[in-house]
Amino acid sequence: MPPRKNFPLRISPELYAALERWAADDLRSVNAQIEYLLTRAVKEAGRLKEKNKEEGE
């Protein structure tokens, strides 16, 4: 897997608290929850190709 890109993210304390609760419910870290939600949103918007499609499978 290629290295991950690090970047600062500024969000409201209320949003962070909601993400923290949601992540705990899903047994994820807040970082993993944010990445999961962003990945899902980008795929649903058709902005991210899935690996199988790129490989022609």
C-alpha atoms as a PDB file:
ATOM      1  CA  MET A   1       0.000   0.000   0.000  1.00  0.00           C
ATOM      2  CA  PRO A   2       1.372   3.463  -0.829  1.00  0.00           C
ATOM      3  CA  PRO A   3       2.186   5.769   2.099  1.00  0.00           C
ATOM      4  CA  ARG A   4      -0.681   7.795   3.506  1.00  0.00           C
ATOM      5  CA  LYS A   5      -0.919  11.562   3.021  1.00  0.00           C
ATOM      6  CA  ASN A   6      -0.950  13.573   6.262  1.00  0.00           C
ATOM      7  CA  PHE A   7      -2.692  16.936   6.465  1.00  0.00           C
ATOM      8  CA  PRO A   8      -4.188  19.127   9.195  1.00  0.00           C
ATOM      9  CA  LEU A   9      -7.958  19.158   9.495  1.00  0.00           C
ATOM     10  CA  ARG A  10      -9.832  21.840  11.364  1.00  0.00           C
ATOM     11  CA  ILE A  11     -13.392  20.974  12.371  1.00  0.00           C
ATOM     12  CA  SER A  12     -15.740  22.202  15.040  1.00  0.00           C
ATOM     13  CA  PRO A  13     -15.644  20.579  18.466  1.00  0.00           C
ATOM     14  CA  GLU A  14     -19.285  19.532  18.019  1.00  0.00           C
ATOM     15  CA  LEU A  15     -18.547  17.731  14.749  1.00  0.00           C
ATOM     16  CA  TYR A  16     -15.487  16.064  16.262  1.00  0.00           C
ATOM     17  CA  ALA A  17     -17.544  14.850  19.229  1.00  0.00           C
ATOM     18  CA  ALA A  18     -20.162  13.383  16.889  1.00  0.00           C
ATOM     19  CA  LEU A  19     -17.473  11.655  14.826  1.00  0.00           C
ATOM     20  CA  GLU A  20     -15.846  10.350  17.991  1.00  0.00           C
ATOM     21  CA  ARG A  21     -19.129   8.773  19.171  1.00  0.00           C
ATOM     22  CA  TRP A  22     -19.810   7.309  15.720  1.00  0.00           C
ATOM     23  CA  ALA A  23     -16.281   5.915  15.479  1.00  0.00           C
ATOM     24  CA  ALA A  24     -16.657   4.281  18.895  1.00  0.00           C
ATOM     25  CA  ASP A  25     -19.940   2.687  17.797  1.00  0.00           C
ATOM     26  CA  ASP A  26     -18.168   1.271  14.718  1.00  0.00           C
ATOM     27  CA  LEU A  27     -15.037   0.260  16.692  1.00  0.00           C
ATOM     28  CA  ARG A  28     -12.825   2.614  14.685  1.00  0.00           C
ATOM     29  CA  SER A  29     -10.513   5.485  15.500  1.00  0.00           C
ATOM     30  CA  VAL A  30     -11.760   8.946  14.607  1.00  0.00           C
ATOM     31  CA  ASN A  31      -9.151   9.093  11.839  1.00  0.00           C
ATOM     32  CA  ALA A  32     -10.299   5.758  10.387  1.00  0.00           C
ATOM     33  CA  GLN A  33     -13.941   6.879  10.617  1.00  0.00           C
ATOM     34  CA  ILE A  34     -13.219  10.094   8.720  1.00  0.00           C
ATOM     35  CA  GLU A  35     -11.304   8.175   6.047  1.00  0.00           C
ATOM     36  CA  TYR A  36     -14.134   5.615   5.770  1.00  0.00           C
ATOM     37  CA  LEU A  37     -16.787   8.335   5.402  1.00  0.00           C
ATOM     38  CA  LEU A  38     -14.759  10.310   2.861  1.00  0.00           C
ATOM     39  CA  THR A  39     -14.004   7.193   0.815  1.00  0.00           C
ATOM     40  CA  ARG A  40     -17.669   6.192   0.788  1.00  0.00           C
ATOM     41  CA  ALA A  41     -18.785   9.690  -0.234  1.00  0.00           C
ATOM     42  CA  VAL A  42     -16.197   9.933  -3.015  1.00  0.00           C
ATOM     43  CA  LYS A  43     -17.140   6.493  -4.395  1.00  0.00           C
ATOM     44  CA  GLU A  44     -20.864   7.318  -4.293  1.00  0.00           C
ATOM     45  CA  ALA A  45     -20.133  10.520  -6.205  1.00  0.00           C
ATOM     46  CA  GLY A  46     -18.276   8.519  -8.860  1.00  0.00           C
ATOM     47  CA  ARG A  47     -15.022  10.321  -8.185  1.00  0.00           C
ATOM     48  CA  LEU A  48     -12.909   7.308  -7.156  1.00  0.00           C
ATOM     49  CA  LYS A  49     -12.268   4.294  -9.327  1.00  0.00           C
ATOM     50  CA  GLU A  50     -12.370   0.939  -7.575  1.00  0.00           C
ATOM     51  CA  LYS A  51      -9.285  -1.281  -7.940  1.00  0.00           C
ATOM     52  CA  ASN A  52     -11.129  -4.092  -9.719  1.00  0.00           C
ATOM     53  CA  LYS A  53     -12.404  -1.676 -12.349  1.00  0.00           C
ATOM     54  CA  GLU A  54      -8.925  -0.235 -12.888  1.00  0.00           C
ATOM     55  CA  GLU A  55      -7.448  -3.713 -13.308  1.00  0.00           C
ATOM     56  CA  GLY A  56     -10.147  -4.758 -15.757  1.00  0.00           C
ATOM     57  CA  GLU A  57     -11.606  -7.462 -13.521  1.00  0.00           C
END
